[in-house]
N, C-alpha and C. Protein backbone atom coordinates (compact mmCIF):
# COMPACT_ATOMS: atom_id res chain seq x y z
N UNK A 1 23.82 -23.39 7.29
CA UNK A 1 23.05 -23.32 6.03
C UNK A 1 23.96 -23.75 4.88
N UNK A 2 23.50 -24.72 4.07
CA UNK A 2 24.34 -25.23 3.00
C UNK A 2 24.32 -24.31 1.79
N UNK A 3 25.18 -24.66 0.82
CA UNK A 3 25.34 -23.82 -0.38
C UNK A 3 24.05 -23.72 -1.17
N UNK A 4 23.31 -24.82 -1.27
CA UNK A 4 22.06 -24.83 -2.03
C UNK A 4 21.04 -23.88 -1.40
N UNK A 5 20.96 -23.89 -0.06
CA UNK A 5 20.02 -23.02 0.64
C UNK A 5 20.40 -21.56 0.47
N UNK A 6 21.72 -21.27 0.54
CA UNK A 6 22.19 -19.90 0.35
C UNK A 6 21.88 -19.40 -1.05
N UNK A 7 22.09 -20.26 -2.05
CA UNK A 7 21.80 -19.89 -3.44
C UNK A 7 20.33 -19.57 -3.62
N UNK A 8 19.47 -20.39 -3.01
CA UNK A 8 18.03 -20.17 -3.11
C UNK A 8 17.64 -18.87 -2.44
N UNK A 9 18.26 -18.58 -1.28
CA UNK A 9 17.96 -17.34 -0.56
C UNK A 9 18.34 -16.13 -1.40
N UNK A 10 19.54 -16.14 -1.99
CA UNK A 10 19.97 -15.01 -2.83
C UNK A 10 19.10 -14.86 -4.06
N UNK A 11 18.66 -15.99 -4.63
CA UNK A 11 17.77 -15.93 -5.79
C UNK A 11 16.44 -15.29 -5.41
N UNK A 12 15.90 -15.66 -4.26
CA UNK A 12 14.64 -15.08 -3.79
C UNK A 12 14.79 -13.59 -3.53
N UNK A 13 15.92 -13.20 -2.93
CA UNK A 13 16.16 -11.78 -2.67
C UNK A 13 16.28 -11.02 -3.98
N UNK A 14 16.99 -11.59 -4.95
CA UNK A 14 17.14 -10.93 -6.25
C UNK A 14 15.78 -10.73 -6.92
N UNK A 15 14.96 -11.77 -6.90
CA UNK A 15 13.64 -11.68 -7.54
C UNK A 15 12.75 -10.69 -6.81
N UNK A 16 12.85 -10.66 -5.49
CA UNK A 16 11.98 -9.76 -4.73
C UNK A 16 12.33 -8.31 -4.99
N UNK A 17 13.62 -8.03 -5.20
CA UNK A 17 14.04 -6.65 -5.43
C UNK A 17 13.80 -6.22 -6.87
N UNK A 18 14.21 -7.05 -7.82
CA UNK A 18 14.20 -6.62 -9.22
C UNK A 18 12.95 -7.02 -9.99
N UNK A 19 12.22 -8.02 -9.52
CA UNK A 19 11.01 -8.43 -10.22
C UNK A 19 9.78 -7.81 -9.57
N UNK A 20 9.73 -7.79 -8.26
CA UNK A 20 8.55 -7.30 -7.56
C UNK A 20 8.54 -5.78 -7.44
N UNK A 21 9.59 -5.13 -7.85
CA UNK A 21 9.58 -3.67 -7.85
C UNK A 21 9.95 -3.07 -6.52
N UNK A 22 10.69 -3.76 -5.69
CA UNK A 22 11.09 -3.21 -4.41
C UNK A 22 12.37 -2.39 -4.59
N UNK A 23 12.41 -1.21 -4.06
CA UNK A 23 13.52 -0.27 -4.04
C UNK A 23 13.65 0.56 -5.32
N UNK A 24 13.74 -0.05 -6.49
CA UNK A 24 13.97 0.72 -7.71
C UNK A 24 12.68 1.15 -8.37
N UNK A 25 12.55 2.45 -8.66
CA UNK A 25 11.35 2.93 -9.35
C UNK A 25 11.41 2.51 -10.81
N UNK A 26 10.23 2.39 -11.45
CA UNK A 26 10.21 1.91 -12.82
C UNK A 26 10.44 3.03 -13.83
N UNK A 27 10.60 2.64 -15.09
CA UNK A 27 10.97 3.60 -16.14
C UNK A 27 9.88 4.64 -16.39
N UNK A 28 8.61 4.27 -16.26
CA UNK A 28 7.53 5.24 -16.45
C UNK A 28 7.57 6.32 -15.38
N UNK A 29 7.83 5.91 -14.15
CA UNK A 29 7.93 6.86 -13.04
C UNK A 29 9.12 7.79 -13.25
N UNK A 30 10.25 7.22 -13.67
CA UNK A 30 11.46 8.01 -13.91
C UNK A 30 11.22 9.03 -15.02
N UNK A 31 10.56 8.61 -16.10
CA UNK A 31 10.27 9.51 -17.21
C UNK A 31 9.42 10.68 -16.76
N UNK A 32 8.37 10.41 -16.00
CA UNK A 32 7.50 11.48 -15.51
C UNK A 32 8.25 12.39 -14.55
N UNK A 33 9.01 11.80 -13.64
CA UNK A 33 9.79 12.58 -12.69
C UNK A 33 10.72 13.54 -13.41
N UNK A 34 11.42 13.05 -14.43
CA UNK A 34 12.36 13.89 -15.16
C UNK A 34 11.65 15.04 -15.89
N UNK A 35 10.49 14.74 -16.46
CA UNK A 35 9.75 15.78 -17.17
C UNK A 35 9.24 16.85 -16.22
N UNK A 36 8.83 16.43 -15.01
CA UNK A 36 8.39 17.40 -14.01
C UNK A 36 9.56 18.28 -13.58
N UNK A 37 10.69 17.66 -13.31
CA UNK A 37 11.88 18.41 -12.90
C UNK A 37 12.30 19.39 -14.00
N UNK A 38 12.26 18.95 -15.25
CA UNK A 38 12.65 19.81 -16.37
C UNK A 38 11.69 20.95 -16.61
N UNK A 39 10.46 20.82 -16.13
CA UNK A 39 9.47 21.89 -16.32
C UNK A 39 9.61 22.99 -15.28
N UNK A 40 10.46 22.76 -14.27
CA UNK A 40 10.64 23.74 -13.18
C UNK A 40 12.02 24.39 -13.32
N UNK A 41 12.08 25.70 -13.47
CA UNK A 41 13.38 26.39 -13.62
C UNK A 41 14.13 26.46 -12.29
N UNK A 42 14.57 25.29 -11.83
CA UNK A 42 15.24 25.21 -10.53
C UNK A 42 16.03 23.91 -10.46
N UNK A 43 17.12 23.91 -9.72
CA UNK A 43 17.92 22.71 -9.56
C UNK A 43 17.41 21.89 -8.39
N UNK A 44 17.27 20.58 -8.63
CA UNK A 44 16.88 19.66 -7.56
C UNK A 44 17.89 18.51 -7.51
N UNK A 45 18.12 18.00 -6.29
CA UNK A 45 19.04 16.89 -6.09
C UNK A 45 18.31 15.77 -5.35
N UNK A 46 18.52 14.54 -5.83
CA UNK A 46 17.82 13.40 -5.25
C UNK A 46 18.13 13.24 -3.76
N UNK A 47 17.08 13.07 -2.98
CA UNK A 47 17.22 12.82 -1.55
C UNK A 47 16.83 11.38 -1.23
N UNK A 48 15.60 11.01 -1.60
CA UNK A 48 15.10 9.66 -1.38
C UNK A 48 14.33 9.22 -2.62
N UNK A 49 14.51 7.98 -3.02
CA UNK A 49 13.72 7.45 -4.12
C UNK A 49 13.66 5.93 -3.99
N UNK A 50 12.44 5.40 -3.91
CA UNK A 50 12.30 3.95 -3.79
C UNK A 50 10.91 3.52 -4.23
N UNK A 51 10.78 2.22 -4.42
CA UNK A 51 9.52 1.62 -4.82
C UNK A 51 9.28 0.38 -3.98
N UNK A 52 8.02 0.15 -3.63
CA UNK A 52 7.64 -1.06 -2.92
C UNK A 52 6.61 -1.80 -3.75
N UNK A 53 6.96 -3.03 -4.15
CA UNK A 53 6.02 -3.87 -4.86
C UNK A 53 5.42 -4.88 -3.92
N UNK A 54 5.03 -6.02 -4.46
CA UNK A 54 4.34 -7.04 -3.66
C UNK A 54 5.20 -7.52 -2.49
N UNK A 55 6.50 -7.75 -2.75
CA UNK A 55 7.38 -8.26 -1.69
C UNK A 55 7.56 -7.22 -0.58
N UNK A 56 7.83 -5.97 -0.96
CA UNK A 56 8.05 -4.93 0.04
C UNK A 56 6.82 -4.65 0.87
N UNK A 57 5.65 -4.64 0.24
CA UNK A 57 4.40 -4.40 0.97
C UNK A 57 4.09 -5.56 1.90
N UNK A 58 4.40 -6.78 1.45
CA UNK A 58 4.20 -7.96 2.30
C UNK A 58 5.12 -7.90 3.52
N UNK A 59 6.36 -7.44 3.30
CA UNK A 59 7.30 -7.30 4.41
C UNK A 59 6.81 -6.25 5.40
N UNK A 60 6.26 -5.15 4.89
CA UNK A 60 5.72 -4.10 5.76
C UNK A 60 4.57 -4.65 6.60
N UNK A 61 3.72 -5.47 5.97
CA UNK A 61 2.60 -6.08 6.69
C UNK A 61 3.11 -7.01 7.79
N UNK A 62 4.16 -7.77 7.48
CA UNK A 62 4.73 -8.70 8.47
C UNK A 62 5.31 -7.94 9.66
N UNK A 63 5.95 -6.81 9.39
CA UNK A 63 6.53 -6.00 10.47
C UNK A 63 5.43 -5.47 11.37
N UNK A 64 4.35 -5.01 10.77
CA UNK A 64 3.22 -4.48 11.55
C UNK A 64 2.61 -5.59 12.41
N UNK A 65 2.43 -6.77 11.81
CA UNK A 65 1.80 -7.87 12.53
C UNK A 65 2.69 -8.47 13.61
N UNK A 66 4.02 -8.30 13.46
CA UNK A 66 4.95 -8.86 14.45
C UNK A 66 5.07 -7.98 15.70
N UNK A 67 4.53 -6.79 15.63
CA UNK A 67 4.58 -5.88 16.77
C UNK A 67 3.72 -6.44 17.91
N UNK A 68 4.34 -6.69 19.03
CA UNK A 68 3.62 -7.27 20.17
C UNK A 68 2.58 -6.31 20.73
N UNK A 69 2.82 -5.04 20.59
CA UNK A 69 1.87 -4.04 21.09
C UNK A 69 1.02 -3.52 19.93
N UNK A 70 0.29 -4.43 19.32
CA UNK A 70 -0.55 -4.05 18.19
C UNK A 70 -1.68 -3.14 18.67
N UNK A 71 -1.87 -2.09 17.92
CA UNK A 71 -2.92 -1.14 18.27
C UNK A 71 -4.22 -1.53 17.59
N UNK A 72 -5.27 -0.80 17.90
CA UNK A 72 -6.57 -1.07 17.28
C UNK A 72 -6.55 -0.75 15.79
N UNK A 73 -5.50 -0.02 15.34
CA UNK A 73 -5.40 0.35 13.93
C UNK A 73 -4.72 -0.71 13.07
N UNK A 74 -4.17 -1.75 13.71
CA UNK A 74 -3.43 -2.76 12.95
C UNK A 74 -4.30 -3.41 11.88
N UNK A 75 -5.52 -3.76 12.23
CA UNK A 75 -6.41 -4.42 11.28
C UNK A 75 -6.73 -3.53 10.08
N UNK A 76 -7.04 -2.27 10.35
CA UNK A 76 -7.38 -1.35 9.25
C UNK A 76 -6.17 -1.07 8.38
N UNK A 77 -4.97 -1.01 8.99
CA UNK A 77 -3.74 -0.79 8.22
C UNK A 77 -3.49 -1.97 7.29
N UNK A 78 -3.68 -3.19 7.81
CA UNK A 78 -3.50 -4.38 6.98
C UNK A 78 -4.49 -4.40 5.81
N UNK A 79 -5.72 -4.00 6.07
CA UNK A 79 -6.71 -3.96 4.99
C UNK A 79 -6.34 -2.92 3.94
N UNK A 80 -5.78 -1.79 4.40
CA UNK A 80 -5.35 -0.76 3.45
C UNK A 80 -4.19 -1.25 2.61
N UNK A 81 -3.24 -1.94 3.24
CA UNK A 81 -2.10 -2.48 2.50
C UNK A 81 -2.54 -3.52 1.48
N UNK A 82 -3.59 -4.27 1.80
CA UNK A 82 -4.12 -5.26 0.87
C UNK A 82 -4.66 -4.61 -0.41
N UNK A 83 -5.05 -3.34 -0.31
CA UNK A 83 -5.61 -2.62 -1.47
C UNK A 83 -4.52 -2.08 -2.39
N UNK A 84 -3.28 -2.05 -1.90
CA UNK A 84 -2.19 -1.42 -2.65
C UNK A 84 -1.31 -2.48 -3.28
N UNK A 85 -1.04 -2.32 -4.58
CA UNK A 85 -0.16 -3.26 -5.28
C UNK A 85 1.24 -2.70 -5.47
N UNK A 86 1.37 -1.36 -5.47
CA UNK A 86 2.69 -0.76 -5.69
C UNK A 86 2.70 0.68 -5.20
N UNK A 87 3.82 1.07 -4.61
CA UNK A 87 4.03 2.45 -4.18
C UNK A 87 5.40 2.90 -4.67
N UNK A 88 5.46 4.09 -5.26
CA UNK A 88 6.74 4.67 -5.70
C UNK A 88 6.84 6.09 -5.14
N UNK A 89 7.98 6.39 -4.58
CA UNK A 89 8.17 7.69 -3.93
C UNK A 89 9.50 8.30 -4.36
N UNK A 90 9.46 9.58 -4.66
CA UNK A 90 10.68 10.32 -5.02
C UNK A 90 10.66 11.66 -4.31
N UNK A 91 11.75 11.96 -3.59
CA UNK A 91 11.88 13.25 -2.90
C UNK A 91 13.18 13.89 -3.34
N UNK A 92 13.07 15.08 -3.92
CA UNK A 92 14.23 15.83 -4.38
C UNK A 92 14.33 17.13 -3.60
N UNK A 93 15.53 17.42 -3.11
CA UNK A 93 15.77 18.65 -2.38
C UNK A 93 16.18 19.77 -3.34
N UNK A 94 15.84 20.99 -2.95
CA UNK A 94 16.23 22.14 -3.76
C UNK A 94 17.74 22.29 -3.77
N UNK A 95 18.29 22.73 -4.92
CA UNK A 95 19.73 22.87 -5.05
C UNK A 95 20.28 24.15 -4.48
N UNK A 96 19.40 25.06 -4.01
CA UNK A 96 19.84 26.35 -3.47
C UNK A 96 20.05 26.21 -1.98
N UNK A 97 21.31 26.29 -1.55
CA UNK A 97 21.63 26.16 -0.13
C UNK A 97 22.23 27.43 0.46
N UNK A 98 22.54 28.39 -0.37
CA UNK A 98 23.15 29.63 0.09
C UNK A 98 22.09 30.53 0.70
N UNK A 99 22.23 30.88 1.97
CA UNK A 99 21.23 31.69 2.66
C UNK A 99 21.13 33.09 2.09
N UNK A 100 22.17 33.55 1.36
CA UNK A 100 22.13 34.89 0.77
C UNK A 100 21.38 34.90 -0.56
N UNK A 101 21.07 33.70 -1.06
CA UNK A 101 20.34 33.60 -2.32
C UNK A 101 18.86 33.46 -2.01
N UNK A 102 18.03 34.12 -2.78
CA UNK A 102 16.59 34.00 -2.61
C UNK A 102 16.17 32.56 -2.88
N UNK A 103 15.69 31.88 -1.83
CA UNK A 103 15.38 30.47 -1.92
C UNK A 103 13.92 30.21 -2.24
N UNK A 104 13.16 31.24 -2.56
CA UNK A 104 11.74 31.08 -2.85
C UNK A 104 11.53 30.59 -4.28
N UNK A 105 10.76 29.53 -4.40
CA UNK A 105 10.41 29.03 -5.73
C UNK A 105 9.30 29.89 -6.30
N UNK A 106 9.21 29.97 -7.59
CA UNK A 106 8.17 30.77 -8.22
C UNK A 106 7.32 29.85 -9.11
N UNK A 107 6.14 29.48 -8.58
CA UNK A 107 5.21 28.65 -9.32
C UNK A 107 4.34 29.54 -10.20
N UNK A 108 4.20 29.18 -11.46
CA UNK A 108 3.33 29.94 -12.34
C UNK A 108 2.45 28.99 -13.14
N UNK A 109 1.51 29.56 -13.87
CA UNK A 109 0.56 28.75 -14.63
C UNK A 109 1.24 27.89 -15.69
N UNK A 110 2.35 28.37 -16.23
CA UNK A 110 3.06 27.61 -17.25
C UNK A 110 3.57 26.28 -16.67
N UNK A 111 4.12 26.30 -15.47
CA UNK A 111 4.61 25.08 -14.81
C UNK A 111 3.45 24.12 -14.55
N UNK A 112 2.35 24.66 -14.05
CA UNK A 112 1.17 23.84 -13.76
C UNK A 112 0.65 23.18 -15.03
N UNK A 113 0.57 23.94 -16.11
CA UNK A 113 0.07 23.39 -17.38
C UNK A 113 0.99 22.31 -17.94
N UNK A 114 2.31 22.48 -17.80
CA UNK A 114 3.25 21.48 -18.30
C UNK A 114 3.07 20.16 -17.55
N UNK A 115 2.88 20.25 -16.23
CA UNK A 115 2.66 19.04 -15.44
C UNK A 115 1.32 18.42 -15.79
N UNK A 116 0.30 19.26 -15.94
CA UNK A 116 -1.03 18.77 -16.36
C UNK A 116 -0.94 17.98 -17.65
N UNK A 117 -0.24 18.53 -18.63
CA UNK A 117 -0.12 17.88 -19.93
C UNK A 117 0.55 16.51 -19.83
N UNK A 118 1.59 16.43 -19.01
CA UNK A 118 2.28 15.15 -18.83
C UNK A 118 1.36 14.12 -18.18
N UNK A 119 0.56 14.56 -17.23
CA UNK A 119 -0.34 13.64 -16.54
C UNK A 119 -1.47 13.19 -17.46
N UNK A 120 -2.03 14.13 -18.23
CA UNK A 120 -3.12 13.79 -19.14
C UNK A 120 -2.67 12.78 -20.19
N UNK A 121 -1.44 12.92 -20.67
CA UNK A 121 -0.90 11.98 -21.65
C UNK A 121 -0.81 10.56 -21.10
N UNK A 122 -0.71 10.47 -19.78
CA UNK A 122 -0.63 9.16 -19.13
C UNK A 122 -1.99 8.67 -18.63
N UNK A 123 -3.03 9.40 -18.99
CA UNK A 123 -4.39 8.98 -18.63
C UNK A 123 -4.85 9.41 -17.26
N UNK A 124 -4.14 10.35 -16.64
CA UNK A 124 -4.51 10.83 -15.31
C UNK A 124 -5.26 12.16 -15.40
N UNK A 125 -6.21 12.36 -14.47
CA UNK A 125 -6.93 13.62 -14.37
C UNK A 125 -6.81 14.14 -12.94
N UNK A 126 -6.74 15.44 -12.80
CA UNK A 126 -6.56 15.98 -11.45
C UNK A 126 -7.88 16.00 -10.68
N UNK A 127 -7.77 15.75 -9.37
CA UNK A 127 -8.91 15.91 -8.47
C UNK A 127 -8.63 17.00 -7.44
N UNK A 128 -7.35 17.34 -7.28
CA UNK A 128 -6.94 18.44 -6.40
C UNK A 128 -5.87 19.23 -7.12
N UNK A 129 -6.06 20.53 -7.17
CA UNK A 129 -5.04 21.40 -7.75
C UNK A 129 -4.98 22.67 -6.90
N UNK A 130 -3.93 22.79 -6.13
CA UNK A 130 -3.78 23.91 -5.20
C UNK A 130 -2.38 24.48 -5.36
N UNK A 131 -2.28 25.72 -5.83
CA UNK A 131 -0.95 26.29 -6.00
C UNK A 131 -0.96 27.80 -5.77
N UNK A 132 0.19 28.26 -5.35
CA UNK A 132 0.44 29.69 -5.20
C UNK A 132 1.83 29.94 -5.78
N UNK A 133 2.35 31.13 -5.61
CA UNK A 133 3.69 31.41 -6.15
C UNK A 133 4.78 30.64 -5.41
N UNK A 134 4.50 30.23 -4.14
CA UNK A 134 5.53 29.62 -3.32
C UNK A 134 5.43 28.10 -3.21
N UNK A 135 4.26 27.53 -3.53
CA UNK A 135 4.12 26.09 -3.39
C UNK A 135 2.98 25.57 -4.25
N UNK A 136 2.99 24.26 -4.45
CA UNK A 136 1.98 23.63 -5.28
C UNK A 136 1.75 22.21 -4.81
N UNK A 137 0.49 21.80 -4.75
CA UNK A 137 0.13 20.41 -4.46
C UNK A 137 -0.97 20.01 -5.44
N UNK A 138 -0.73 18.89 -6.16
CA UNK A 138 -1.73 18.41 -7.10
C UNK A 138 -1.88 16.90 -6.93
N UNK A 139 -3.13 16.44 -7.04
CA UNK A 139 -3.44 15.03 -6.92
C UNK A 139 -4.14 14.59 -8.20
N UNK A 140 -3.62 13.53 -8.81
CA UNK A 140 -4.17 13.01 -10.06
C UNK A 140 -4.59 11.55 -9.86
N UNK A 141 -5.68 11.16 -10.51
CA UNK A 141 -6.13 9.77 -10.44
C UNK A 141 -6.35 9.22 -11.84
N UNK A 142 -6.30 7.90 -11.93
CA UNK A 142 -6.50 7.21 -13.21
C UNK A 142 -7.48 6.07 -13.01
N UNK A 143 -8.39 5.92 -13.95
CA UNK A 143 -9.37 4.84 -13.89
C UNK A 143 -8.96 3.69 -14.79
N UNK A 144 -9.38 2.48 -14.41
CA UNK A 144 -9.16 1.33 -15.29
C UNK A 144 -10.32 1.20 -16.27
N UNK A 145 -10.33 0.14 -17.05
CA UNK A 145 -11.36 -0.03 -18.09
C UNK A 145 -12.75 -0.19 -17.52
N UNK A 146 -12.83 -0.56 -16.24
CA UNK A 146 -14.12 -0.73 -15.59
C UNK A 146 -14.58 0.53 -14.86
N UNK A 147 -13.81 1.60 -15.00
CA UNK A 147 -14.19 2.86 -14.37
C UNK A 147 -13.82 2.97 -12.90
N UNK A 148 -13.00 2.05 -12.40
CA UNK A 148 -12.57 2.09 -11.00
C UNK A 148 -11.21 2.76 -10.90
N UNK A 149 -10.98 3.42 -9.78
CA UNK A 149 -9.69 4.08 -9.57
C UNK A 149 -8.60 3.04 -9.39
N UNK A 150 -7.56 3.13 -10.22
CA UNK A 150 -6.48 2.15 -10.18
C UNK A 150 -5.11 2.78 -9.95
N UNK A 151 -5.01 4.10 -10.05
CA UNK A 151 -3.73 4.76 -9.86
C UNK A 151 -3.89 6.18 -9.37
N UNK A 152 -2.92 6.64 -8.60
CA UNK A 152 -2.97 8.00 -8.08
C UNK A 152 -1.55 8.56 -7.97
N UNK A 153 -1.40 9.81 -8.33
CA UNK A 153 -0.16 10.55 -8.13
C UNK A 153 -0.42 11.74 -7.23
N UNK A 154 0.49 11.98 -6.30
CA UNK A 154 0.49 13.20 -5.50
C UNK A 154 1.80 13.91 -5.80
N UNK A 155 1.71 15.15 -6.27
CA UNK A 155 2.89 15.94 -6.63
C UNK A 155 2.90 17.20 -5.79
N UNK A 156 3.97 17.41 -5.05
CA UNK A 156 4.07 18.57 -4.17
C UNK A 156 5.41 19.27 -4.40
N UNK A 157 5.36 20.58 -4.56
CA UNK A 157 6.57 21.37 -4.81
C UNK A 157 6.55 22.59 -3.91
N UNK A 158 7.68 22.85 -3.24
CA UNK A 158 7.86 24.11 -2.51
C UNK A 158 9.31 24.53 -2.62
N UNK A 159 9.70 25.53 -1.87
CA UNK A 159 11.05 26.06 -2.00
C UNK A 159 12.12 25.08 -1.54
N UNK A 160 11.74 24.11 -0.71
CA UNK A 160 12.72 23.17 -0.16
C UNK A 160 12.82 21.86 -0.92
N UNK A 161 11.70 21.37 -1.47
CA UNK A 161 11.75 20.06 -2.08
C UNK A 161 10.62 19.81 -3.07
N UNK A 162 10.85 18.79 -3.87
CA UNK A 162 9.86 18.25 -4.80
C UNK A 162 9.56 16.83 -4.35
N UNK A 163 8.28 16.50 -4.17
CA UNK A 163 7.88 15.16 -3.75
C UNK A 163 6.88 14.60 -4.75
N UNK A 164 7.14 13.38 -5.21
CA UNK A 164 6.23 12.69 -6.12
C UNK A 164 5.92 11.32 -5.52
N UNK A 165 4.63 11.02 -5.37
CA UNK A 165 4.21 9.73 -4.82
C UNK A 165 3.20 9.11 -5.78
N UNK A 166 3.43 7.86 -6.14
CA UNK A 166 2.48 7.12 -6.97
C UNK A 166 1.99 5.91 -6.19
N UNK A 167 0.67 5.69 -6.23
CA UNK A 167 0.06 4.52 -5.59
C UNK A 167 -0.77 3.80 -6.63
N UNK A 168 -0.59 2.48 -6.74
CA UNK A 168 -1.38 1.65 -7.64
C UNK A 168 -2.12 0.60 -6.84
N UNK A 169 -3.31 0.24 -7.29
CA UNK A 169 -4.07 -0.80 -6.62
C UNK A 169 -5.56 -0.54 -6.69
N UNK A 170 -6.30 -1.13 -5.77
CA UNK A 170 -7.75 -0.95 -5.70
C UNK A 170 -8.02 0.29 -4.85
N UNK A 171 -7.95 1.46 -5.48
CA UNK A 171 -8.05 2.71 -4.74
C UNK A 171 -9.48 3.02 -4.30
N UNK A 172 -10.47 2.50 -5.02
CA UNK A 172 -11.85 2.66 -4.56
C UNK A 172 -12.01 2.05 -3.17
N UNK A 173 -11.52 0.83 -3.02
CA UNK A 173 -11.60 0.15 -1.74
C UNK A 173 -10.75 0.85 -0.69
N UNK A 174 -9.56 1.33 -1.09
CA UNK A 174 -8.68 2.03 -0.16
C UNK A 174 -9.34 3.29 0.39
N UNK A 175 -9.92 4.10 -0.51
CA UNK A 175 -10.59 5.33 -0.06
C UNK A 175 -11.80 5.02 0.81
N UNK A 176 -12.50 3.95 0.49
CA UNK A 176 -13.66 3.55 1.30
C UNK A 176 -13.21 3.23 2.72
N UNK A 177 -12.10 2.49 2.86
CA UNK A 177 -11.58 2.15 4.18
C UNK A 177 -11.15 3.39 4.94
N UNK A 178 -10.49 4.33 4.24
CA UNK A 178 -10.03 5.56 4.89
C UNK A 178 -11.22 6.37 5.39
N UNK A 179 -12.25 6.50 4.56
CA UNK A 179 -13.43 7.27 4.95
C UNK A 179 -14.12 6.63 6.14
N UNK A 180 -14.28 5.31 6.11
CA UNK A 180 -14.92 4.62 7.22
C UNK A 180 -14.10 4.75 8.50
N UNK A 181 -12.79 4.61 8.38
CA UNK A 181 -11.92 4.70 9.55
C UNK A 181 -11.98 6.08 10.18
N UNK A 182 -11.96 7.13 9.35
CA UNK A 182 -12.06 8.49 9.87
C UNK A 182 -13.40 8.74 10.52
N UNK A 183 -14.47 8.17 9.94
CA UNK A 183 -15.80 8.35 10.50
C UNK A 183 -15.90 7.67 11.86
N UNK A 184 -15.33 6.47 11.98
CA UNK A 184 -15.37 5.75 13.25
C UNK A 184 -14.54 6.45 14.31
N UNK A 185 -13.41 7.05 13.91
CA UNK A 185 -12.58 7.77 14.86
C UNK A 185 -13.33 8.96 15.45
N UNK A 186 -14.21 9.54 14.66
CA UNK A 186 -14.97 10.69 15.12
C UNK A 186 -16.26 10.28 15.81
N UNK A 187 -16.49 8.97 15.95
CA UNK A 187 -17.68 8.51 16.66
C UNK A 187 -18.93 8.53 15.81
N UNK A 188 -18.80 8.68 14.50
CA UNK A 188 -19.97 8.69 13.63
C UNK A 188 -20.32 7.26 13.22
N UNK A 189 -21.61 7.00 13.10
CA UNK A 189 -22.07 5.70 12.66
C UNK A 189 -22.37 5.76 11.17
N UNK A 190 -21.68 4.93 10.39
CA UNK A 190 -21.90 4.89 8.95
C UNK A 190 -22.14 3.45 8.56
N UNK A 191 -23.27 3.18 7.95
CA UNK A 191 -23.57 1.82 7.52
C UNK A 191 -22.73 1.42 6.32
N UNK A 192 -22.61 2.32 5.36
CA UNK A 192 -21.82 2.01 4.15
C UNK A 192 -21.38 3.30 3.50
N UNK A 193 -20.11 3.34 3.17
CA UNK A 193 -19.56 4.48 2.45
C UNK A 193 -18.86 3.94 1.22
N UNK A 194 -19.21 4.46 0.08
CA UNK A 194 -18.60 4.00 -1.17
C UNK A 194 -18.10 5.20 -1.94
N UNK A 195 -16.82 5.16 -2.33
CA UNK A 195 -16.25 6.22 -3.14
C UNK A 195 -16.41 5.83 -4.59
N UNK A 196 -17.06 6.70 -5.36
CA UNK A 196 -17.27 6.42 -6.77
C UNK A 196 -16.92 7.64 -7.59
N UNK A 197 -16.48 7.39 -8.82
CA UNK A 197 -16.25 8.48 -9.76
C UNK A 197 -17.27 8.39 -10.87
N UNK A 198 -17.50 9.53 -11.51
CA UNK A 198 -18.48 9.55 -12.61
C UNK A 198 -17.94 8.80 -13.80
């Protein structure tokens, strides 16, 4: 491979990582993550954090399609990936490792409200809110100007870790595919399933 080809390859890799959003989460995600962490009276340490944009999702699709033993789910997985434009994931582990220290997290309404406020400021509304003193899971969605679901956050907190997942794309279509796929797995016949919000 000549020098010109190598330069082009490195340029493509640079653009795929830094322009398409592969690996590094964006500033909006970082800001929200920090505000969530600051709202919880507990130490967390980064475990995993990455983002997949157009390039990363395309690579995932190629890996699935290159599998010689493709399952019946390959087609539906590809269709689901086509609905997603970006995924960002952050997993933080609890900072308490001493077994003699009480490792139970204490979730209260104040923490829930602080997270709610941060999400509302970003145009998200919750569709799932489930919490107790030991754990919490909340799902938020955002609509575009046409009233279609375009973004979703899943936030989960327990004594061991904090997990934040953001998905962007055509979520109406994604949920429709998921519902249809689950219905077919159970042997149910569904002519059309459409997920809509008010």
